[in-house]
Amino acid sequence: MAKMRKKTDLPKKVCVVCGRPFVWRKKWEKVWAEVKYCSDGCRMRKGRASQ
């Protein structure tokens, strides 16, 4: 069984839309390098952020 990691030890990024920090999630394991947004809401607002 794999060892559990503490949440504080997980990689972090900052959302390009809202500027809030977010941490790695299991569902992003294979695409972590491409993840830019903290949520679907921010992903959908990406075009409106500059207006």
PDB file of N, CA and C in Angstrom:
ATOM      1  N   MET A   1       0.832  -1.179   0.000  1.00  0.00           N
ATOM      2  CA  MET A   1       0.000   0.000   0.000  1.00  0.00           C
ATOM      3  C   MET A   1       0.884   1.253   0.000  1.00  0.00           C
ATOM      4  N   ALA A   2       0.499   2.241  -0.782  1.00  0.00           N
ATOM      5  CA  ALA A   2       1.274   3.468  -0.887  1.00  0.00           C
ATOM      6  C   ALA A   2       1.160   4.307   0.390  1.00  0.00           C
ATOM      7  N   LYS A   3       2.209   5.057   0.669  1.00  0.00           N
ATOM      8  CA  LYS A   3       2.191   5.924   1.838  1.00  0.00           C
ATOM      9  C   LYS A   3       1.319   7.148   1.560  1.00  0.00           C
ATOM     10  N   MET A   4       0.615   7.590   2.570  1.00  0.00           N
ATOM     11  CA  MET A   4      -0.215   8.785   2.448  1.00  0.00           C
ATOM     12  C   MET A   4       0.675  10.024   2.588  1.00  0.00           C
ATOM     13  N   ARG A   5       0.352  11.046   1.815  1.00  0.00           N
ATOM     14  CA  ARG A   5       1.075  12.306   1.918  1.00  0.00           C
ATOM     15  C   ARG A   5       0.205  13.320   2.636  1.00  0.00           C
ATOM     16  N   LYS A   6       0.812  14.165   3.410  1.00  0.00           N
ATOM     17  CA  LYS A   6       0.068  15.233   4.065  1.00  0.00           C
ATOM     18  C   LYS A   6      -0.324  16.267   3.028  1.00  0.00           C
ATOM     19  N   LYS A   7      -1.454  16.911   3.235  1.00  0.00           N
ATOM     20  CA  LYS A   7      -1.923  17.921   2.289  1.00  0.00           C
ATOM     21  C   LYS A   7      -0.909  19.056   2.148  1.00  0.00           C
ATOM     22  N   THR A   8      -0.196  19.366   3.213  1.00  0.00           N
ATOM     23  CA  THR A   8       0.799  20.434   3.163  1.00  0.00           C
ATOM     24  C   THR A   8       2.004  20.066   2.302  1.00  0.00           C
ATOM     25  N   ASP A   9       2.188  18.774   2.029  1.00  0.00           N
ATOM     26  CA  ASP A   9       3.317  18.308   1.225  1.00  0.00           C
ATOM     27  C   ASP A   9       2.984  18.202  -0.270  1.00  0.00           C
ATOM     28  N   LEU A  10       1.723  18.404  -0.644  1.00  0.00           N
ATOM     29  CA  LEU A  10       1.321  18.285  -2.039  1.00  0.00           C
ATOM     30  C   LEU A  10       1.756  19.506  -2.835  1.00  0.00           C
ATOM     31  N   PRO A  11       2.007  19.338  -4.151  1.00  0.00           N
ATOM     32  CA  PRO A  11       2.379  20.486  -4.988  1.00  0.00           C
ATOM     33  C   PRO A  11       1.247  21.517  -5.039  1.00  0.00           C
ATOM     34  N   LYS A  12       1.632  22.781  -5.182  1.00  0.00           N
ATOM     35  CA  LYS A  12       0.654  23.870  -5.226  1.00  0.00           C
ATOM     36  C   LYS A  12       0.848  24.695  -6.486  1.00  0.00           C
ATOM     37  N   LYS A  13      -0.241  25.339  -6.933  1.00  0.00           N
ATOM     38  CA  LYS A  13      -0.211  26.288  -8.046  1.00  0.00           C
ATOM     39  C   LYS A  13      -1.147  27.425  -7.695  1.00  0.00           C
ATOM     40  N   VAL A  14      -1.084  28.509  -8.487  1.00  0.00           N
ATOM     41  CA  VAL A  14      -1.974  29.651  -8.308  1.00  0.00           C
ATOM     42  C   VAL A  14      -2.864  29.731  -9.540  1.00  0.00           C
ATOM     43  N   CYS A  15      -4.165  29.885  -9.335  1.00  0.00           N
ATOM     44  CA  CYS A  15      -5.139  29.978 -10.419  1.00  0.00           C
ATOM     45  C   CYS A  15      -4.881  31.248 -11.224  1.00  0.00           C
ATOM     46  N   VAL A  16      -4.855  31.146 -12.561  1.00  0.00           N
ATOM     47  CA  VAL A  16      -4.580  32.307 -13.403  1.00  0.00           C
ATOM     48  C   VAL A  16      -5.761  33.269 -13.481  1.00  0.00           C
ATOM     49  N   VAL A  17      -6.954  32.841 -13.078  1.00  0.00           N
ATOM     50  CA  VAL A  17      -8.139  33.704 -13.132  1.00  0.00           C
ATOM     51  C   VAL A  17      -8.365  34.412 -11.800  1.00  0.00           C
ATOM     52  N   CYS A  18      -8.506  33.660 -10.725  1.00  0.00           N
ATOM     53  CA  CYS A  18      -8.856  34.261  -9.433  1.00  0.00           C
ATOM     54  C   CYS A  18      -7.646  34.551  -8.557  1.00  0.00           C
ATOM     55  N   GLY A  19      -6.491  33.954  -8.862  1.00  0.00           N
ATOM     56  CA  GLY A  19      -5.281  34.214  -8.090  1.00  0.00           C
ATOM     57  C   GLY A  19      -5.165  33.440  -6.795  1.00  0.00           C
ATOM     58  N   ARG A  20      -6.113  32.543  -6.539  1.00  0.00           N
ATOM     59  CA  ARG A  20      -6.065  31.759  -5.304  1.00  0.00           C
ATOM     60  C   ARG A  20      -5.179  30.532  -5.488  1.00  0.00           C
ATOM     61  N   PRO A  21      -4.488  30.130  -4.430  1.00  0.00           N
ATOM     62  CA  PRO A  21      -3.675  28.906  -4.518  1.00  0.00           C
ATOM     63  C   PRO A  21      -4.560  27.662  -4.447  1.00  0.00           C
ATOM     64  N   PHE A  22      -4.132  26.611  -5.142  1.00  0.00           N
ATOM     65  CA  PHE A  22      -4.822  25.324  -5.054  1.00  0.00           C
ATOM     66  C   PHE A  22      -3.788  24.221  -5.089  1.00  0.00           C
ATOM     67  N   VAL A  23      -4.152  23.066  -4.554  1.00  0.00           N
ATOM     68  CA  VAL A  23      -3.207  21.951  -4.442  1.00  0.00           C
ATOM     69  C   VAL A  23      -3.553  20.830  -5.412  1.00  0.00           C
ATOM     70  N   TRP A  24      -2.591  19.978  -5.616  1.00  0.00           N
ATOM     71  CA  TRP A  24      -2.692  18.817  -6.491  1.00  0.00           C
ATOM     72  C   TRP A  24      -3.864  17.936  -6.079  1.00  0.00           C
ATOM     73  N   ARG A  25      -4.534  17.373  -7.093  1.00  0.00           N
ATOM     74  CA  ARG A  25      -5.615  16.407  -6.844  1.00  0.00           C
ATOM     75  C   ARG A  25      -5.315  15.138  -7.627  1.00  0.00           C
ATOM     76  N   LYS A  26      -5.781  14.043  -7.117  1.00  0.00           N
ATOM     77  CA  LYS A  26      -5.543  12.736  -7.748  1.00  0.00           C
ATOM     78  C   LYS A  26      -6.021  12.723  -9.199  1.00  0.00           C
ATOM     79  N   LYS A  27      -7.170  13.370  -9.480  1.00  0.00           N
ATOM     80  CA  LYS A  27      -7.704  13.351 -10.845  1.00  0.00           C
ATOM     81  C   LYS A  27      -6.819  14.127 -11.826  1.00  0.00           C
ATOM     82  N   TRP A  28      -5.926  14.986 -11.320  1.00  0.00           N
ATOM     83  CA  TRP A  28      -5.010  15.747 -12.169  1.00  0.00           C
ATOM     84  C   TRP A  28      -3.639  15.083 -12.271  1.00  0.00           C
ATOM     85  N   GLU A  29      -3.505  13.875 -11.773  1.00  0.00           N
ATOM     86  CA  GLU A  29      -2.206  13.199 -11.684  1.00  0.00           C
ATOM     87  C   GLU A  29      -1.434  13.188 -13.004  1.00  0.00           C
ATOM     88  N   LYS A  30      -2.105  12.876 -14.104  1.00  0.00           N
ATOM     89  CA  LYS A  30      -1.421  12.740 -15.393  1.00  0.00           C
ATOM     90  C   LYS A  30      -1.320  14.043 -16.168  1.00  0.00           C
ATOM     91  N   VAL A  31      -2.075  15.076 -15.768  1.00  0.00           N
ATOM     92  CA  VAL A  31      -2.080  16.335 -16.521  1.00  0.00           C
ATOM     93  C   VAL A  31      -1.700  17.540 -15.655  1.00  0.00           C
ATOM     94  N   TRP A  32      -1.043  17.322 -14.533  1.00  0.00           N
ATOM     95  CA  TRP A  32      -0.724  18.394 -13.595  1.00  0.00           C
ATOM     96  C   TRP A  32       0.032  19.548 -14.263  1.00  0.00           C
ATOM     97  N   ALA A  33       0.891  19.244 -15.209  1.00  0.00           N
ATOM     98  CA  ALA A  33       1.665  20.300 -15.875  1.00  0.00           C
ATOM     99  C   ALA A  33       0.767  21.241 -16.674  1.00  0.00           C
ATOM    100  N   GLU A  34      -0.382  20.774 -17.143  1.00  0.00           N
ATOM    101  CA  GLU A  34      -1.282  21.593 -17.949  1.00  0.00           C
ATOM    102  C   GLU A  34      -2.369  22.294 -17.129  1.00  0.00           C
ATOM    103  N   VAL A  35      -2.535  21.943 -15.866  1.00  0.00           N
ATOM    104  CA  VAL A  35      -3.603  22.515 -15.041  1.00  0.00           C
ATOM    105  C   VAL A  35      -3.297  23.986 -14.754  1.00  0.00           C
ATOM    106  N   LYS A  36      -4.274  24.878 -15.050  1.00  0.00           N
ATOM    107  CA  LYS A  36      -4.105  26.317 -14.837  1.00  0.00           C
ATOM    108  C   LYS A  36      -5.181  26.906 -13.935  1.00  0.00           C
ATOM    109  N   TYR A  37      -6.315  26.233 -13.831  1.00  0.00           N
ATOM    110  CA  TYR A  37      -7.469  26.787 -13.138  1.00  0.00           C
ATOM    111  C   TYR A  37      -7.823  25.944 -11.922  1.00  0.00           C
ATOM    112  N   CYS A  38      -8.303  26.603 -10.868  1.00  0.00           N
ATOM    113  CA  CYS A  38      -8.625  25.900  -9.628  1.00  0.00           C
ATOM    114  C   CYS A  38      -9.975  25.194  -9.691  1.00  0.00           C
ATOM    115  N   SER A  39     -10.843  25.611 -10.615  1.00  0.00           N
ATOM    116  CA  SER A  39     -12.180  25.025 -10.678  1.00  0.00           C
ATOM    117  C   SER A  39     -12.765  25.173 -12.078  1.00  0.00           C
ATOM    118  N   ASP A  40     -13.884  24.492 -12.318  1.00  0.00           N
ATOM    119  CA  ASP A  40     -14.583  24.640 -13.590  1.00  0.00           C
ATOM    120  C   ASP A  40     -15.111  26.057 -13.754  1.00  0.00           C
ATOM    121  N   GLY A  41     -15.514  26.669 -12.660  1.00  0.00           N
ATOM    122  CA  GLY A  41     -16.009  28.047 -12.716  1.00  0.00           C
ATOM    123  C   GLY A  41     -14.944  29.009 -13.229  1.00  0.00           C
ATOM    124  N   CYS A  42     -13.732  28.891 -12.739  1.00  0.00           N
ATOM    125  CA  CYS A  42     -12.637  29.744 -13.206  1.00  0.00           C
ATOM    126  C   CYS A  42     -12.274  29.412 -14.649  1.00  0.00           C
ATOM    127  N   ARG A  43     -12.322  28.150 -15.003  1.00  0.00           N
ATOM    128  CA  ARG A  43     -12.027  27.755 -16.380  1.00  0.00           C
ATOM    129  C   ARG A  43     -13.017  28.391 -17.346  1.00  0.00           C
ATOM    130  N   MET A  44     -14.286  28.489 -16.940  1.00  0.00           N
ATOM    131  CA  MET A  44     -15.315  29.068 -17.808  1.00  0.00           C
ATOM    132  C   MET A  44     -15.238  30.606 -17.807  1.00  0.00           C
ATOM    133  N   ARG A  45     -14.675  31.209 -16.751  1.00  0.00           N
ATOM    134  CA  ARG A  45     -14.536  32.658 -16.677  1.00  0.00           C
ATOM    135  C   ARG A  45     -13.264  33.164 -17.318  1.00  0.00           C
ATOM    136  N   LYS A  46     -12.413  32.295 -17.824  1.00  0.00           N
ATOM    137  CA  LYS A  46     -11.104  32.699 -18.319  1.00  0.00           C
ATOM    138  C   LYS A  46     -11.166  33.809 -19.367  1.00  0.00           C
ATOM    139  N   GLY A  47     -12.183  33.825 -20.228  1.00  0.00           N
ATOM    140  CA  GLY A  47     -12.309  34.858 -21.249  1.00  0.00           C
ATOM    141  C   GLY A  47     -12.840  36.156 -20.697  1.00  0.00           C
ATOM    142  N   ARG A  48     -13.614  36.096 -19.627  1.00  0.00           N
ATOM    143  CA  ARG A  48     -14.214  37.299 -19.052  1.00  0.00           C
ATOM    144  C   ARG A  48     -13.286  38.020 -18.077  1.00  0.00           C
ATOM    145  N   ALA A  49     -12.198  37.420 -17.705  1.00  0.00           N
ATOM    146  CA  ALA A  49     -11.312  38.008 -16.695  1.00  0.00           C
ATOM    147  C   ALA A  49     -10.699  39.308 -17.177  1.00  0.00           C
ATOM    148  N   SER A  50     -10.509  39.464 -18.467  1.00  0.00           N
ATOM    149  CA  SER A  50      -9.861  40.666 -18.989  1.00  0.00           C
ATOM    150  C   SER A  50     -10.859  41.788 -19.267  1.00  0.00           C
ATOM    151  N   GLN A  51     -12.153  41.533 -19.154  1.00  0.00           N
ATOM    152  CA  GLN A  51     -13.157  42.555 -19.453  1.00  0.00           C
ATOM    153  C   GLN A  51     -13.504  43.382 -18.253  1.00  0.00           C
TER     154      GLN A  51
END
